[in-house]
């Protein structure tokens, strides 16, 4: 397993996202068809200012985005060094099961369902302490040559 700073540098190389929209902190496990990532949810997250004052809850759409970023890490690791960006094209069977609050560690597992260049289909689950927080099937399209 890579050190956290190596993970951050790797994300910055693979993903076009930057703070405050980079929603991954670490890769915990990776195989050719699955990835397990971690997001440490802290009270310092900018979205907690307004969602919701006095009752901070991570927006469900951002949990789905964190799953999509995890899916992009898996896909980019499969295709190798090619400079591509992944555009989310679909979210199916999405369910939000539990609140995610400051202090939680959100673990996201994404599994490859199918890949036929340039289209990808993956299934993601986000958990806190083993309890399912969110799940979705994600579709994406690989777009080459879009990164600076």
Protein backbone atom coordinates (compact mmCIF):
# COMPACT_ATOMS: atom_id res chain seq x y z
CA UNK A 1 0.00 0.00 0.00
CA UNK A 2 1.27 3.44 -0.92
CA UNK A 3 1.87 6.18 1.62
CA UNK A 4 -0.91 8.83 1.79
CA UNK A 5 1.20 11.48 0.03
CA UNK A 6 1.95 9.01 -2.76
CA UNK A 7 -1.79 8.28 -3.05
CA UNK A 8 -2.55 12.00 -3.27
CA UNK A 9 0.09 12.51 -5.95
CA UNK A 10 -1.27 9.50 -7.84
CA UNK A 11 -4.83 10.90 -7.73
CA UNK A 12 -3.59 14.27 -8.93
CA UNK A 13 -1.91 12.54 -11.88
CA UNK A 14 -4.92 10.36 -12.73
CA UNK A 15 -7.89 12.62 -12.05
CA UNK A 16 -8.61 16.16 -13.25
CA UNK A 17 -10.30 16.95 -9.90
CA UNK A 18 -8.70 19.32 -7.39
CA UNK A 19 -9.58 20.55 -3.91
CA UNK A 20 -12.31 20.99 -2.82
CA UNK A 21 -13.72 18.53 -5.33
CA UNK A 22 -11.17 15.72 -5.00
CA UNK A 23 -13.15 13.37 -2.76
CA UNK A 24 -10.62 10.55 -2.28
CA UNK A 25 -7.80 10.30 0.25
CA UNK A 26 -6.34 6.86 -0.27
CA UNK A 27 -6.46 3.59 -2.21
CA UNK A 28 -6.73 0.73 0.28
CA UNK A 29 -6.91 -2.20 -2.17
CA UNK A 30 -6.75 -2.64 -5.90
CA UNK A 31 -7.06 -5.61 -8.24
CA UNK A 32 -7.64 -5.70 -12.02
CA UNK A 33 -11.44 -5.57 -11.53
CA UNK A 34 -11.99 -3.75 -8.23
CA UNK A 35 -10.76 -0.87 -6.10
CA UNK A 36 -11.34 0.06 -2.45
CA UNK A 37 -10.80 3.73 -1.63
CA UNK A 38 -11.11 5.88 1.47
CA UNK A 39 -12.49 9.35 2.15
CA UNK A 40 -11.95 10.78 5.64
CA UNK A 41 -14.97 12.99 6.24
CA UNK A 42 -13.99 15.98 8.38
CA UNK A 43 -15.92 18.94 9.76
CA UNK A 44 -13.65 21.17 7.62
CA UNK A 45 -15.34 20.04 4.39
CA UNK A 46 -16.66 23.19 2.64
CA UNK A 47 -20.12 21.68 2.03
CA UNK A 48 -20.83 21.32 5.77
CA UNK A 49 -21.12 25.11 6.08
CA UNK A 50 -24.54 24.97 4.45
CA UNK A 51 -25.50 21.27 4.56
CA UNK A 52 -26.81 21.61 7.25
CA UNK A 53 -25.90 24.17 9.94
CA UNK A 54 -26.17 22.39 13.28
CA UNK A 55 -26.67 18.99 11.60
CA UNK A 56 -23.76 18.41 9.19
CA UNK A 57 -24.56 15.69 6.64
CA UNK A 58 -22.46 14.87 3.56
CA UNK A 59 -24.66 15.43 0.49
CA UNK A 60 -25.65 12.17 -1.16
CA UNK A 61 -24.68 13.51 -4.57
CA UNK A 62 -21.10 13.97 -3.28
CA UNK A 63 -21.03 10.38 -2.00
CA UNK A 64 -22.03 9.27 -5.52
CA UNK A 65 -19.32 11.58 -6.92
CA UNK A 66 -16.74 9.95 -4.62
CA UNK A 67 -17.85 6.56 -5.98
CA UNK A 68 -17.48 7.91 -9.52
CA UNK A 69 -13.96 9.19 -8.75
CA UNK A 70 -13.11 5.75 -7.35
CA UNK A 71 -14.45 4.19 -10.56
CA UNK A 72 -12.23 6.53 -12.59
CA UNK A 73 -9.17 5.49 -10.55
CA UNK A 74 -9.96 1.83 -11.29
CA UNK A 75 -10.53 2.45 -15.01
CA UNK A 76 -7.40 4.57 -15.38
CA UNK A 77 -5.34 1.91 -13.64
CA UNK A 78 -6.70 -0.67 -16.10
CA UNK A 79 -5.91 1.33 -19.24
CA UNK A 80 -2.47 2.40 -18.04
CA UNK A 81 -0.63 5.57 -18.95
CA UNK A 82 -2.97 6.80 -21.67
CA UNK A 83 -4.12 10.40 -20.99
CA UNK A 84 -7.89 10.12 -20.74
CA UNK A 85 -10.63 11.67 -18.69
CA UNK A 86 -13.78 9.83 -17.67
CA UNK A 87 -17.13 11.54 -18.03
CA UNK A 88 -19.93 10.17 -15.93
CA UNK A 89 -22.77 9.33 -18.33
CA UNK A 90 -25.24 7.51 -16.11
CA UNK A 91 -26.24 6.66 -12.57
CA UNK A 92 -28.59 3.71 -12.13
CA UNK A 93 -30.02 1.96 -9.10
CA UNK A 94 -28.69 4.67 -6.79
CA UNK A 95 -29.73 4.36 -3.16
CA UNK A 96 -28.68 6.40 -0.15
CA UNK A 97 -28.94 4.18 2.92
CA UNK A 98 -27.31 6.06 5.80
CA UNK A 99 -26.17 9.55 6.76
CA UNK A 100 -22.46 10.31 6.44
CA UNK A 101 -21.27 12.82 9.04
CA UNK A 102 -18.01 14.41 10.18
CA UNK A 103 -15.67 11.83 11.71
CA UNK A 104 -16.86 9.03 9.43
CA UNK A 105 -14.46 7.10 7.24
CA UNK A 106 -16.20 6.45 3.95
CA UNK A 107 -14.88 3.30 2.26
CA UNK A 108 -15.85 2.96 -1.38
CA UNK A 109 -15.64 -0.32 -3.23
CA UNK A 110 -16.09 -0.26 -6.99
CA UNK A 111 -16.23 -3.35 -9.19
CA UNK A 112 -15.96 -3.47 -12.96
CA UNK A 113 -19.11 -4.87 -14.58
CA UNK A 114 -18.18 -4.34 -18.22
CA UNK A 115 -15.88 -2.38 -20.46
CA UNK A 116 -16.16 -1.95 -24.20
CA UNK A 117 -13.97 0.97 -25.26
CA UNK A 118 -14.86 3.78 -24.73
CA UNK A 119 -17.79 2.76 -22.46
CA UNK A 120 -17.54 1.54 -18.87
CA UNK A 121 -20.10 0.13 -16.43
CA UNK A 122 -19.23 -0.33 -12.74
CA UNK A 123 -21.02 -1.00 -9.46
CA UNK A 124 -20.07 0.97 -6.37
CA UNK A 125 -20.86 0.70 -2.69
CA UNK A 126 -19.92 3.22 -0.02
CA UNK A 127 -19.75 2.01 3.59
CA UNK A 128 -19.11 3.48 7.01
CA UNK A 129 -17.91 0.96 9.62
CA UNK A 130 -19.22 -1.84 7.39
CA UNK A 131 -22.71 -0.31 7.12
CA UNK A 132 -23.94 0.46 3.61
CA UNK A 133 -24.25 4.24 3.14
CA UNK A 134 -24.83 4.40 -0.63
CA UNK A 135 -24.81 2.23 -3.72
CA UNK A 136 -25.12 2.80 -7.45
CA UNK A 137 -24.33 1.48 -10.89
CA UNK A 138 -22.18 4.00 -12.74
CA UNK A 139 -21.70 4.41 -16.47
CA UNK A 140 -18.87 6.45 -17.92
CA UNK A 141 -17.27 7.29 -21.22
CA UNK A 142 -13.53 7.51 -21.75
CA UNK A 143 -12.61 10.71 -23.57
CA UNK A 144 -9.04 10.81 -24.86
CA UNK A 145 -6.88 13.86 -25.20
CA UNK A 146 -8.97 16.14 -23.01
CA UNK A 147 -6.46 16.81 -20.21
CA UNK A 148 -3.88 19.59 -20.44
